[in-house]
Amino acid sequence: MSHEKYKDLLETLHDCMTECNHCFNACLQEDNVKMMAECIRLDRECADICGYLEAAISRNSPFIKELAAVCTKLCTTCNEECKKHDHDHCQKCADACFKCADACKKVT
């Protein structure tokens, strides 16, 4: 089954989705939310693609490689944005996105 082949990737996707959602929520609580707007937007998009790819893998979608390529791009972009911010939640998100982008590259 596809989901067994991608067991490690599934875990990495889930971890990234969780960190992005946490960062999204924490950024909304920051004093200068407007400054965090791009981080918030990318957190949301990254969490969504990670969740979607996780679901696609679990149902053995024929588009896993294509979705993994999009996920790689979004995770890389989110990583770059989160690294710009000193907040702990942004740094943890950046790390999770880096790991996820790396894992997704191996699929494409």
PDB file of N, CA and C in Angstrom:
ATOM      1  N   MET A   1       0.829  -1.195   0.000  1.00  0.00           N
ATOM      2  CA  MET A   1       0.000   0.000   0.000  1.00  0.00           C
ATOM      3  C   MET A   1       0.869   1.253   0.000  1.00  0.00           C
ATOM      4  N   SER A   2       0.371   2.278  -0.628  1.00  0.00           N
ATOM      5  CA  SER A   2       1.082   3.533  -0.775  1.00  0.00           C
ATOM      6  C   SER A   2       1.412   4.164   0.570  1.00  0.00           C
ATOM      7  N   HIS A   3       0.470   4.131   1.497  1.00  0.00           N
ATOM      8  CA  HIS A   3       0.717   4.811   2.767  1.00  0.00           C
ATOM      9  C   HIS A   3       1.836   4.146   3.566  1.00  0.00           C
ATOM     10  N   GLU A   4       2.067   2.851   3.360  1.00  0.00           N
ATOM     11  CA  GLU A   4       3.181   2.174   4.047  1.00  0.00           C
ATOM     12  C   GLU A   4       4.516   2.596   3.435  1.00  0.00           C
ATOM     13  N   LYS A   5       4.546   2.734   2.111  1.00  0.00           N
ATOM     14  CA  LYS A   5       5.750   3.159   1.400  1.00  0.00           C
ATOM     15  C   LYS A   5       6.177   4.559   1.851  1.00  0.00           C
ATOM     16  N   TYR A   6       5.204   5.380   2.172  1.00  0.00           N
ATOM     17  CA  TYR A   6       5.457   6.767   2.523  1.00  0.00           C
ATOM     18  C   TYR A   6       5.310   7.040   4.020  1.00  0.00           C
ATOM     19  N   LYS A   7       5.502   6.019   4.845  1.00  0.00           N
ATOM     20  CA  LYS A   7       5.292   6.144   6.292  1.00  0.00           C
ATOM     21  C   LYS A   7       6.058   7.325   6.902  1.00  0.00           C
ATOM     22  N   ASP A   8       7.348   7.448   6.599  1.00  0.00           N
ATOM     23  CA  ASP A   8       8.158   8.538   7.159  1.00  0.00           C
ATOM     24  C   ASP A   8       7.695   9.896   6.646  1.00  0.00           C
ATOM     25  N   LEU A   9       7.362   9.960   5.356  1.00  0.00           N
ATOM     26  CA  LEU A   9       6.874  11.211   4.791  1.00  0.00           C
ATOM     27  C   LEU A   9       5.561  11.620   5.439  1.00  0.00           C
ATOM     28  N   LEU A  10       4.679  10.670   5.668  1.00  0.00           N
ATOM     29  CA  LEU A  10       3.394  10.977   6.310  1.00  0.00           C
ATOM     30  C   LEU A  10       3.609  11.619   7.678  1.00  0.00           C
ATOM     31  N   GLU A  11       4.548  11.092   8.426  1.00  0.00           N
ATOM     32  CA  GLU A  11       4.844  11.640   9.754  1.00  0.00           C
ATOM     33  C   GLU A  11       5.419  13.055   9.638  1.00  0.00           C
ATOM     34  N   THR A  12       6.310  13.246   8.680  1.00  0.00           N
ATOM     35  CA  THR A  12       6.922  14.556   8.473  1.00  0.00           C
ATOM     36  C   THR A  12       5.880  15.580   8.025  1.00  0.00           C
ATOM     37  N   LEU A  13       4.986  15.179   7.128  1.00  0.00           N
ATOM     38  CA  LEU A  13       3.907  16.060   6.673  1.00  0.00           C
ATOM     39  C   LEU A  13       3.014  16.472   7.839  1.00  0.00           C
ATOM     40  N   HIS A  14       2.668  15.496   8.663  1.00  0.00           N
ATOM     41  CA  HIS A  14       1.793  15.785   9.802  1.00  0.00           C
ATOM     42  C   HIS A  14       2.479  16.730  10.783  1.00  0.00           C
ATOM     43  N   ASP A  15       3.754  16.493  11.052  1.00  0.00           N
ATOM     44  CA  ASP A  15       4.501  17.373  11.954  1.00  0.00           C
ATOM     45  C   ASP A  15       4.565  18.797  11.402  1.00  0.00           C
ATOM     46  N   CYS A  16       4.802  18.925  10.107  1.00  0.00           N
ATOM     47  CA  CYS A  16       4.888  20.243   9.487  1.00  0.00           C
ATOM     48  C   CYS A  16       3.531  20.949   9.545  1.00  0.00           C
ATOM     49  N   MET A  17       2.476  20.215   9.239  1.00  0.00           N
ATOM     50  CA  MET A  17       1.136  20.794   9.300  1.00  0.00           C
ATOM     51  C   MET A  17       0.845  21.304  10.712  1.00  0.00           C
ATOM     52  N   THR A  18       1.200  20.526  11.704  1.00  0.00           N
ATOM     53  CA  THR A  18       0.966  20.900  13.100  1.00  0.00           C
ATOM     54  C   THR A  18       1.758  22.153  13.473  1.00  0.00           C
ATOM     55  N   GLU A  19       3.033  22.202  13.093  1.00  0.00           N
ATOM     56  CA  GLU A  19       3.867  23.377  13.411  1.00  0.00           C
ATOM     57  C   GLU A  19       3.373  24.618  12.672  1.00  0.00           C
ATOM     58  N   CYS A  20       2.968  24.449  11.423  1.00  0.00           N
ATOM     59  CA  CYS A  20       2.440  25.597  10.662  1.00  0.00           C
ATOM     60  C   CYS A  20       1.152  26.119  11.291  1.00  0.00           C
ATOM     61  N   ASN A  21       0.291  25.219  11.705  1.00  0.00           N
ATOM     62  CA  ASN A  21      -0.946  25.654  12.354  1.00  0.00           C
ATOM     63  C   ASN A  21      -0.660  26.359  13.675  1.00  0.00           C
ATOM     64  N   HIS A  22       0.304  25.851  14.420  1.00  0.00           N
ATOM     65  CA  HIS A  22       0.689  26.492  15.682  1.00  0.00           C
ATOM     66  C   HIS A  22       1.270  27.886  15.419  1.00  0.00           C
ATOM     67  N   CYS A  23       2.152  27.977  14.432  1.00  0.00           N
ATOM     68  CA  CYS A  23       2.771  29.251  14.095  1.00  0.00           C
ATOM     69  C   CYS A  23       1.707  30.243  13.621  1.00  0.00           C
ATOM     70  N   PHE A  24       0.801  29.784  12.787  1.00  0.00           N
ATOM     71  CA  PHE A  24      -0.311  30.604  12.303  1.00  0.00           C
ATOM     72  C   PHE A  24      -1.066  31.228  13.473  1.00  0.00           C
ATOM     73  N   ASN A  25      -1.450  30.387  14.412  1.00  0.00           N
ATOM     74  CA  ASN A  25      -2.206  30.852  15.570  1.00  0.00           C
ATOM     75  C   ASN A  25      -1.383  31.786  16.455  1.00  0.00           C
ATOM     76  N   ALA A  26      -0.133  31.440  16.688  1.00  0.00           N
ATOM     77  CA  ALA A  26       0.734  32.266  17.529  1.00  0.00           C
ATOM     78  C   ALA A  26       1.020  33.620  16.870  1.00  0.00           C
ATOM     79  N   CYS A  27       1.202  33.641  15.559  1.00  0.00           N
ATOM     80  CA  CYS A  27       1.441  34.904  14.847  1.00  0.00           C
ATOM     81  C   CYS A  27       0.237  35.833  14.970  1.00  0.00           C
ATOM     82  N   LEU A  28      -0.940  35.271  14.989  1.00  0.00           N
ATOM     83  CA  LEU A  28      -2.146  36.087  15.143  1.00  0.00           C
ATOM     84  C   LEU A  28      -2.209  36.759  16.516  1.00  0.00           C
ATOM     85  N   GLN A  29      -1.464  36.235  17.471  1.00  0.00           N
ATOM     86  CA  GLN A  29      -1.433  36.793  18.827  1.00  0.00           C
ATOM     87  C   GLN A  29      -0.316  37.816  19.016  1.00  0.00           C
ATOM     88  N   GLU A  30       0.552  37.961  18.035  1.00  0.00           N
ATOM     89  CA  GLU A  30       1.668  38.905  18.151  1.00  0.00           C
ATOM     90  C   GLU A  30       1.151  40.348  18.144  1.00  0.00           C
ATOM     91  N   ASP A  31       1.922  41.240  18.755  1.00  0.00           N
ATOM     92  CA  ASP A  31       1.538  42.651  18.838  1.00  0.00           C
ATOM     93  C   ASP A  31       1.399  43.292  17.461  1.00  0.00           C
ATOM     94  N   ASN A  32       2.333  43.018  16.578  1.00  0.00           N
ATOM     95  CA  ASN A  32       2.311  43.609  15.245  1.00  0.00           C
ATOM     96  C   ASN A  32       1.883  42.552  14.222  1.00  0.00           C
ATOM     97  N   VAL A  33       0.607  42.255  14.214  1.00  0.00           N
ATOM     98  CA  VAL A  33       0.069  41.212  13.327  1.00  0.00           C
ATOM     99  C   VAL A  33       0.311  41.561  11.860  1.00  0.00           C
ATOM    100  N   LYS A  34       0.224  42.835  11.539  1.00  0.00           N
ATOM    101  CA  LYS A  34       0.420  43.248  10.144  1.00  0.00           C
ATOM    102  C   LYS A  34       1.816  42.866   9.653  1.00  0.00           C
ATOM    103  N   MET A  35       2.813  42.985  10.512  1.00  0.00           N
ATOM    104  CA  MET A  35       4.171  42.607  10.144  1.00  0.00           C
ATOM    105  C   MET A  35       4.272  41.093   9.900  1.00  0.00           C
ATOM    106  N   MET A  36       3.389  40.330  10.520  1.00  0.00           N
ATOM    107  CA  MET A  36       3.416  38.879  10.414  1.00  0.00           C
ATOM    108  C   MET A  36       2.509  38.353   9.294  1.00  0.00           C
ATOM    109  N   ALA A  37       1.911  39.240   8.512  1.00  0.00           N
ATOM    110  CA  ALA A  37       0.902  38.850   7.525  1.00  0.00           C
ATOM    111  C   ALA A  37       1.400  37.787   6.545  1.00  0.00           C
ATOM    112  N   GLU A  38       2.594  37.951   6.010  1.00  0.00           N
ATOM    113  CA  GLU A  38       3.106  36.983   5.030  1.00  0.00           C
ATOM    114  C   GLU A  38       3.386  35.640   5.708  1.00  0.00           C
ATOM    115  N   CYS A  39       3.898  35.683   6.911  1.00  0.00           N
ATOM    116  CA  CYS A  39       4.146  34.458   7.661  1.00  0.00           C
ATOM    117  C   CYS A  39       2.830  33.714   7.908  1.00  0.00           C
ATOM    118  N   ILE A  40       1.831  34.453   8.313  1.00  0.00           N
ATOM    119  CA  ILE A  40       0.510  33.866   8.579  1.00  0.00           C
ATOM    120  C   ILE A  40      -0.061  33.234   7.310  1.00  0.00           C
ATOM    121  N   ARG A  41       0.023  33.963   6.201  1.00  0.00           N
ATOM    122  CA  ARG A  41      -0.512  33.448   4.931  1.00  0.00           C
ATOM    123  C   ARG A  41       0.208  32.174   4.513  1.00  0.00           C
ATOM    124  N   LEU A  42       1.531  32.192   4.591  1.00  0.00           N
ATOM    125  CA  LEU A  42       2.294  31.008   4.185  1.00  0.00           C
ATOM    126  C   LEU A  42       2.094  29.843   5.143  1.00  0.00           C
ATOM    127  N   ASP A  43       1.968  30.122   6.433  1.00  0.00           N
ATOM    128  CA  ASP A  43       1.649  29.050   7.392  1.00  0.00           C
ATOM    129  C   ASP A  43       0.380  28.326   6.972  1.00  0.00           C
ATOM    130  N   ARG A  44      -0.631  29.100   6.625  1.00  0.00           N
ATOM    131  CA  ARG A  44      -1.930  28.542   6.246  1.00  0.00           C
ATOM    132  C   ARG A  44      -1.806  27.694   4.980  1.00  0.00           C
ATOM    133  N   GLU A  45      -1.145  28.243   3.966  1.00  0.00           N
ATOM    134  CA  GLU A  45      -0.998  27.508   2.706  1.00  0.00           C
ATOM    135  C   GLU A  45      -0.157  26.254   2.887  1.00  0.00           C
ATOM    136  N   CYS A  46       0.899  26.357   3.656  1.00  0.00           N
ATOM    137  CA  CYS A  46       1.780  25.211   3.880  1.00  0.00           C
ATOM    138  C   CYS A  46       1.043  24.110   4.655  1.00  0.00           C
ATOM    139  N   ALA A  47       0.337  24.497   5.699  1.00  0.00           N
ATOM    140  CA  ALA A  47      -0.440  23.511   6.469  1.00  0.00           C
ATOM    141  C   ALA A  47      -1.461  22.821   5.573  1.00  0.00           C
ATOM    142  N   ASP A  48      -2.112  23.593   4.713  1.00  0.00           N
ATOM    143  CA  ASP A  48      -3.126  23.020   3.823  1.00  0.00           C
ATOM    144  C   ASP A  48      -2.532  22.006   2.854  1.00  0.00           C
ATOM    145  N   ILE A  49      -1.400  22.348   2.209  1.00  0.00           N
ATOM    146  CA  ILE A  49      -0.824  21.413   1.233  1.00  0.00           C
ATOM    147  C   ILE A  49      -0.269  20.179   1.938  1.00  0.00           C
ATOM    148  N   CYS A  50       0.293  20.353   3.120  1.00  0.00           N
ATOM    149  CA  CYS A  50       0.799  19.189   3.865  1.00  0.00           C
ATOM    150  C   CYS A  50      -0.354  18.249   4.218  1.00  0.00           C
ATOM    151  N   GLY A  51      -1.457  18.809   4.682  1.00  0.00           N
ATOM    152  CA  GLY A  51      -2.630  17.996   5.008  1.00  0.00           C
ATOM    153  C   GLY A  51      -3.212  17.329   3.785  1.00  0.00           C
ATOM    154  N   TYR A  52      -3.231  18.067   2.668  1.00  0.00           N
ATOM    155  CA  TYR A  52      -3.786  17.502   1.440  1.00  0.00           C
ATOM    156  C   TYR A  52      -2.905  16.373   0.908  1.00  0.00           C
ATOM    157  N   LEU A  53      -1.582  16.585   0.927  1.00  0.00           N
ATOM    158  CA  LEU A  53      -0.673  15.531   0.467  1.00  0.00           C
ATOM    159  C   LEU A  53      -0.772  14.310   1.374  1.00  0.00           C
ATOM    160  N   GLU A  54      -0.892  14.519   2.644  1.00  0.00           N
ATOM    161  CA  GLU A  54      -1.056  13.408   3.593  1.00  0.00           C
ATOM    162  C   GLU A  54      -2.309  12.604   3.229  1.00  0.00           C
ATOM    163  N   ALA A  55      -3.408  13.283   2.957  1.00  0.00           N
ATOM    164  CA  ALA A  55      -4.645  12.608   2.574  1.00  0.00           C
ATOM    165  C   ALA A  55      -4.499  11.914   1.220  1.00  0.00           C
ATOM    166  N   ALA A  56      -3.837  12.568   0.274  1.00  0.00           N
ATOM    167  CA  ALA A  56      -3.645  11.992  -1.061  1.00  0.00           C
ATOM    168  C   ALA A  56      -2.834  10.711  -0.991  1.00  0.00           C
ATOM    169  N   ILE A  57      -1.799  10.709  -0.164  1.00  0.00           N
ATOM    170  CA  ILE A  57      -0.985   9.499   0.006  1.00  0.00           C
ATOM    171  C   ILE A  57      -1.825   8.384   0.615  1.00  0.00           C
ATOM    172  N   SER A  58      -2.626   8.709   1.612  1.00  0.00           N
ATOM    173  CA  SER A  58      -3.415   7.677   2.289  1.00  0.00           C
ATOM    174  C   SER A  58      -4.449   7.040   1.370  1.00  0.00           C
ATOM    175  N   ARG A  59      -4.862   7.763   0.313  1.00  0.00           N
ATOM    176  CA  ARG A  59      -5.826   7.175  -0.627  1.00  0.00           C
ATOM    177  C   ARG A  59      -5.164   6.733  -1.933  1.00  0.00           C
ATOM    178  N   ASN A  60      -3.823   6.719  -1.949  1.00  0.00           N
ATOM    179  CA  ASN A  60      -3.046   6.251  -3.087  1.00  0.00           C
ATOM    180  C   ASN A  60      -3.348   7.043  -4.362  1.00  0.00           C
ATOM    181  N   SER A  61      -3.365   8.349  -4.242  1.00  0.00           N
ATOM    182  CA  SER A  61      -3.615   9.231  -5.377  1.00  0.00           C
ATOM    183  C   SER A  61      -2.554   9.032  -6.453  1.00  0.00           C
ATOM    184  N   PRO A  62      -2.939   9.131  -7.722  1.00  0.00           N
ATOM    185  CA  PRO A  62      -1.944   9.052  -8.795  1.00  0.00           C
ATOM    186  C   PRO A  62      -1.139  10.353  -8.945  1.00  0.00           C
ATOM    187  N   PHE A  63      -1.432  11.358  -8.131  1.00  0.00           N
ATOM    188  CA  PHE A  63      -0.779  12.665  -8.236  1.00  0.00           C
ATOM    189  C   PHE A  63       0.190  12.953  -7.092  1.00  0.00           C
ATOM    190  N   ILE A  64       0.650  11.932  -6.414  1.00  0.00           N
ATOM    191  CA  ILE A  64       1.527  12.118  -5.255  1.00  0.00           C
ATOM    192  C   ILE A  64       2.793  12.887  -5.629  1.00  0.00           C
ATOM    193  N   LYS A  65       3.438  12.519  -6.710  1.00  0.00           N
ATOM    194  CA  LYS A  65       4.687  13.202  -7.101  1.00  0.00           C
ATOM    195  C   LYS A  65       4.447  14.672  -7.411  1.00  0.00           C
ATOM    196  N   GLU A  66       3.380  14.969  -8.119  1.00  0.00           N
ATOM    197  CA  GLU A  66       3.075  16.354  -8.465  1.00  0.00           C
ATOM    198  C   GLU A  66       2.738  17.167  -7.218  1.00  0.00           C
ATOM    199  N   LEU A  67       1.945  16.588  -6.330  1.00  0.00           N
ATOM    200  CA  LEU A  67       1.590  17.268  -5.089  1.00  0.00           C
ATOM    201  C   LEU A  67       2.821  17.456  -4.196  1.00  0.00           C
ATOM    202  N   ALA A  68       3.707  16.475  -4.200  1.00  0.00           N
ATOM    203  CA  ALA A  68       4.945  16.585  -3.413  1.00  0.00           C
ATOM    204  C   ALA A  68       5.822  17.718  -3.946  1.00  0.00           C
ATOM    205  N   ALA A  69       5.811  17.932  -5.249  1.00  0.00           N
ATOM    206  CA  ALA A  69       6.585  19.040  -5.831  1.00  0.00           C
ATOM    207  C   ALA A  69       6.024  20.383  -5.366  1.00  0.00           C
ATOM    208  N   VAL A  70       4.704  20.515  -5.357  1.00  0.00           N
ATOM    209  CA  VAL A  70       4.068  21.742  -4.871  1.00  0.00           C
ATOM    210  C   VAL A  70       4.354  21.909  -3.375  1.00  0.00           C
ATOM    211  N   CYS A  71       4.271  20.831  -2.638  1.00  0.00           N
ATOM    212  CA  CYS A  71       4.530  20.875  -1.205  1.00  0.00           C
ATOM    213  C   CYS A  71       5.978  21.304  -0.935  1.00  0.00           C
ATOM    214  N   THR A  72       6.908  20.809  -1.724  1.00  0.00           N
ATOM    215  CA  THR A  72       8.310  21.203  -1.591  1.00  0.00           C
ATOM    216  C   THR A  72       8.448  22.712  -1.746  1.00  0.00           C
ATOM    217  N   LYS A  73       7.807  23.251  -2.769  1.00  0.00           N
ATOM    218  CA  LYS A  73       7.902  24.689  -3.037  1.00  0.00           C
ATOM    219  C   LYS A  73       7.281  25.506  -1.902  1.00  0.00           C
ATOM    220  N   LEU A  74       6.103  25.113  -1.449  1.00  0.00           N
ATOM    221  CA  LEU A  74       5.447  25.854  -0.370  1.00  0.00           C
ATOM    222  C   LEU A  74       6.219  25.743   0.944  1.00  0.00           C
ATOM    223  N   CYS A  75       6.698  24.554   1.268  1.00  0.00           N
ATOM    224  CA  CYS A  75       7.459  24.380   2.505  1.00  0.00           C
ATOM    225  C   CYS A  75       8.755  25.187   2.474  1.00  0.00           C
ATOM    226  N   THR A  76       9.410  25.217   1.323  1.00  0.00           N
ATOM    227  CA  THR A  76      10.641  26.001   1.187  1.00  0.00           C
ATOM    228  C   THR A  76      10.354  27.486   1.375  1.00  0.00           C
ATOM    229  N   THR A  77       9.286  27.965   0.771  1.00  0.00           N
ATOM    230  CA  THR A  77       8.914  29.375   0.878  1.00  0.00           C
ATOM    231  C   THR A  77       8.519  29.729   2.306  1.00  0.00           C
ATOM    232  N   CYS A  78       7.759  28.860   2.952  1.00  0.00           N
ATOM    233  CA  CYS A  78       7.352  29.095   4.341  1.00  0.00           C
ATOM    234  C   CYS A  78       8.576  29.077   5.259  1.00  0.00           C
ATOM    235  N   ASN A  79       9.497  28.150   5.013  1.00  0.00           N
ATOM    236  CA  ASN A  79      10.734  28.088   5.782  1.00  0.00           C
ATOM    237  C   ASN A  79      11.491  29.408   5.696  1.00  0.00           C
ATOM    238  N   GLU A  80      11.628  29.933   4.478  1.00  0.00           N
ATOM    239  CA  GLU A  80      12.370  31.177   4.274  1.00  0.00           C
ATOM    240  C   GLU A  80      11.712  32.346   4.997  1.00  0.00           C
ATOM    241  N   GLU A  81      10.384  32.397   4.974  1.00  0.00           N
ATOM    242  CA  GLU A  81       9.670  33.481   5.658  1.00  0.00           C
ATOM    243  C   GLU A  81       9.787  33.343   7.176  1.00  0.00           C
ATOM    244  N   CYS A  82       9.548  32.162   7.689  1.00  0.00           N
ATOM    245  CA  CYS A  82       9.584  31.972   9.145  1.00  0.00           C
ATOM    246  C   CYS A  82      10.978  32.231   9.724  1.00  0.00           C
ATOM    247  N   LYS A  83      12.018  31.918   8.959  1.00  0.00           N
ATOM    248  CA  LYS A  83      13.386  32.165   9.433  1.00  0.00           C
ATOM    249  C   LYS A  83      13.660  33.639   9.665  1.00  0.00           C
ATOM    250  N   LYS A  84      12.892  34.520   9.045  1.00  0.00           N
ATOM    251  CA  LYS A  84      13.083  35.967   9.195  1.00  0.00           C
ATOM    252  C   LYS A  84      12.651  36.477  10.568  1.00  0.00           C
ATOM    253  N   HIS A  85      11.867  35.683  11.277  1.00  0.00           N
ATOM    254  CA  HIS A  85      11.285  36.122  12.545  1.00  0.00           C
ATOM    255  C   HIS A  85      11.948  35.404  13.722  1.00  0.00           C
ATOM    256  N   ASP A  86      12.184  36.147  14.789  1.00  0.00           N
ATOM    257  CA  ASP A  86      12.883  35.595  15.957  1.00  0.00           C
ATOM    258  C   ASP A  86      11.998  34.796  16.899  1.00  0.00           C
ATOM    259  N   HIS A  87      10.698  34.831  16.693  1.00  0.00           N
ATOM    260  CA  HIS A  87       9.782  34.121  17.591  1.00  0.00           C
ATOM    261  C   HIS A  87      10.085  32.613  17.587  1.00  0.00           C
ATOM    262  N   ASP A  88       9.999  32.018  18.742  1.00  0.00           N
ATOM    263  CA  ASP A  88      10.259  30.586  18.872  1.00  0.00           C
ATOM    264  C   ASP A  88       9.341  29.775  17.961  1.00  0.00           C
ATOM    265  N   HIS A  89       8.065  30.157  17.906  1.00  0.00           N
ATOM    266  CA  HIS A  89       7.126  29.405  17.070  1.00  0.00           C
ATOM    267  C   HIS A  89       7.492  29.499  15.593  1.00  0.00           C
ATOM    268  N   CYS A  90       8.020  30.627  15.164  1.00  0.00           N
ATOM    269  CA  CYS A  90       8.443  30.771  13.766  1.00  0.00           C
ATOM    270  C   CYS A  90       9.682  29.919  13.488  1.00  0.00           C
ATOM    271  N   GLN A  91      10.605  29.891  14.431  1.00  0.00           N
ATOM    272  CA  GLN A  91      11.818  29.097  14.245  1.00  0.00           C
ATOM    273  C   GLN A  91      11.513  27.594  14.200  1.00  0.00           C
ATOM    274  N   LYS A  92      10.594  27.149  15.059  1.00  0.00           N
ATOM    275  CA  LYS A  92      10.182  25.737  15.035  1.00  0.00           C
ATOM    276  C   LYS A  92       9.468  25.403  13.733  1.00  0.00           C
ATOM    277  N   CYS A  93       8.650  26.325  13.263  1.00  0.00           N
ATOM    278  CA  CYS A  93       7.941  26.127  12.002  1.00  0.00           C
ATOM    279  C   CYS A  93       8.940  26.068  10.846  1.00  0.00           C
ATOM    280  N   ALA A  94       9.908  26.970  10.848  1.00  0.00           N
ATOM    281  CA  ALA A  94      10.930  26.973   9.797  1.00  0.00           C
ATOM    282  C   ALA A  94      11.650  25.633   9.736  1.00  0.00           C
ATOM    283  N   ASP A  95      11.988  25.099  10.899  1.00  0.00           N
ATOM    284  CA  ASP A  95      12.678  23.806  10.960  1.00  0.00           C
ATOM    285  C   ASP A  95      11.796  22.682  10.411  1.00  0.00           C
ATOM    286  N   ALA A  96      10.534  22.660  10.804  1.00  0.00           N
ATOM    287  CA  ALA A  96       9.609  21.628  10.324  1.00  0.00           C
ATOM    288  C   ALA A  96       9.418  21.741   8.810  1.00  0.00           C
ATOM    289  N   CYS A  97       9.326  22.967   8.305  1.00  0.00           N
ATOM    290  CA  CYS A  97       9.160  23.179   6.868  1.00  0.00           C
ATOM    291  C   CYS A  97      10.394  22.728   6.094  1.00  0.00           C
ATOM    292  N   PHE A  98      11.570  22.996   6.646  1.00  0.00           N
ATOM    293  CA  PHE A  98      12.810  22.562   6.003  1.00  0.00           C
ATOM    294  C   PHE A  98      12.837  21.038   5.882  1.00  0.00           C
ATOM    295  N   LYS A  99      12.525  20.352   6.977  1.00  0.00           N
ATOM    296  CA  LYS A  99      12.515  18.891   6.985  1.00  0.00           C
ATOM    297  C   LYS A  99      11.477  18.346   6.009  1.00  0.00           C
ATOM    298  N   CYS A 100      10.318  18.989   5.961  1.00  0.00           N
ATOM    299  CA  CYS A 100       9.251  18.529   5.085  1.00  0.00           C
ATOM    300  C   CYS A 100       9.619  18.740   3.615  1.00  0.00           C
ATOM    301  N   ALA A 101      10.182  19.884   3.290  1.00  0.00           N
ATOM    302  CA  ALA A 101      10.605  20.143   1.911  1.00  0.00           C
ATOM    303  C   ALA A 101      11.628  19.106   1.472  1.00  0.00           C
ATOM    304  N   ASP A 102      12.563  18.807   2.359  1.00  0.00           N
ATOM    305  CA  ASP A 102      13.586  17.805   2.063  1.00  0.00           C
ATOM    306  C   ASP A 102      12.977  16.430   1.826  1.00  0.00           C
ATOM    307  N   ALA A 103      12.020  16.052   2.659  1.00  0.00           N
ATOM    308  CA  ALA A 103      11.356  14.744   2.503  1.00  0.00           C
ATOM    309  C   ALA A 103      10.539  14.688   1.218  1.00  0.00           C
ATOM    310  N   CYS A 104       9.861  15.781   0.896  1.00  0.00           N
ATOM    311  CA  CYS A 104       9.054  15.813  -0.327  1.00  0.00           C
ATOM    312  C   CYS A 104       9.897  15.753  -1.593  1.00  0.00           C
ATOM    313  N   LYS A 105      11.088  16.354  -1.550  1.00  0.00           N
ATOM    314  CA  LYS A 105      12.003  16.321  -2.702  1.00  0.00           C
ATOM    315  C   LYS A 105      12.366  14.886  -3.073  1.00  0.00           C
ATOM    316  N   LYS A 106      12.435  14.031  -2.092  1.00  0.00           N
ATOM    317  CA  LYS A 106      12.818  12.631  -2.331  1.00  0.00           C
ATOM    318  C   LYS A 106      11.740  11.856  -3.071  1.00  0.00           C
ATOM    319  N   VAL A 107      10.528  12.376  -3.074  1.00  0.00           N
ATOM    320  CA  VAL A 107       9.395  11.729  -3.736  1.00  0.00           C
ATOM    321  C   VAL A 107       9.295  12.155  -5.198  1.00  0.00           C
ATOM    322  N   THR A 108       9.714  13.374  -5.488  1.00  0.00           N
ATOM    323  CA  THR A 108       9.550  13.922  -6.847  1.00  0.00           C
ATOM    324  C   THR A 108      10.603  13.473  -7.807  1.00  0.00           C
TER     325      THR A 108
END
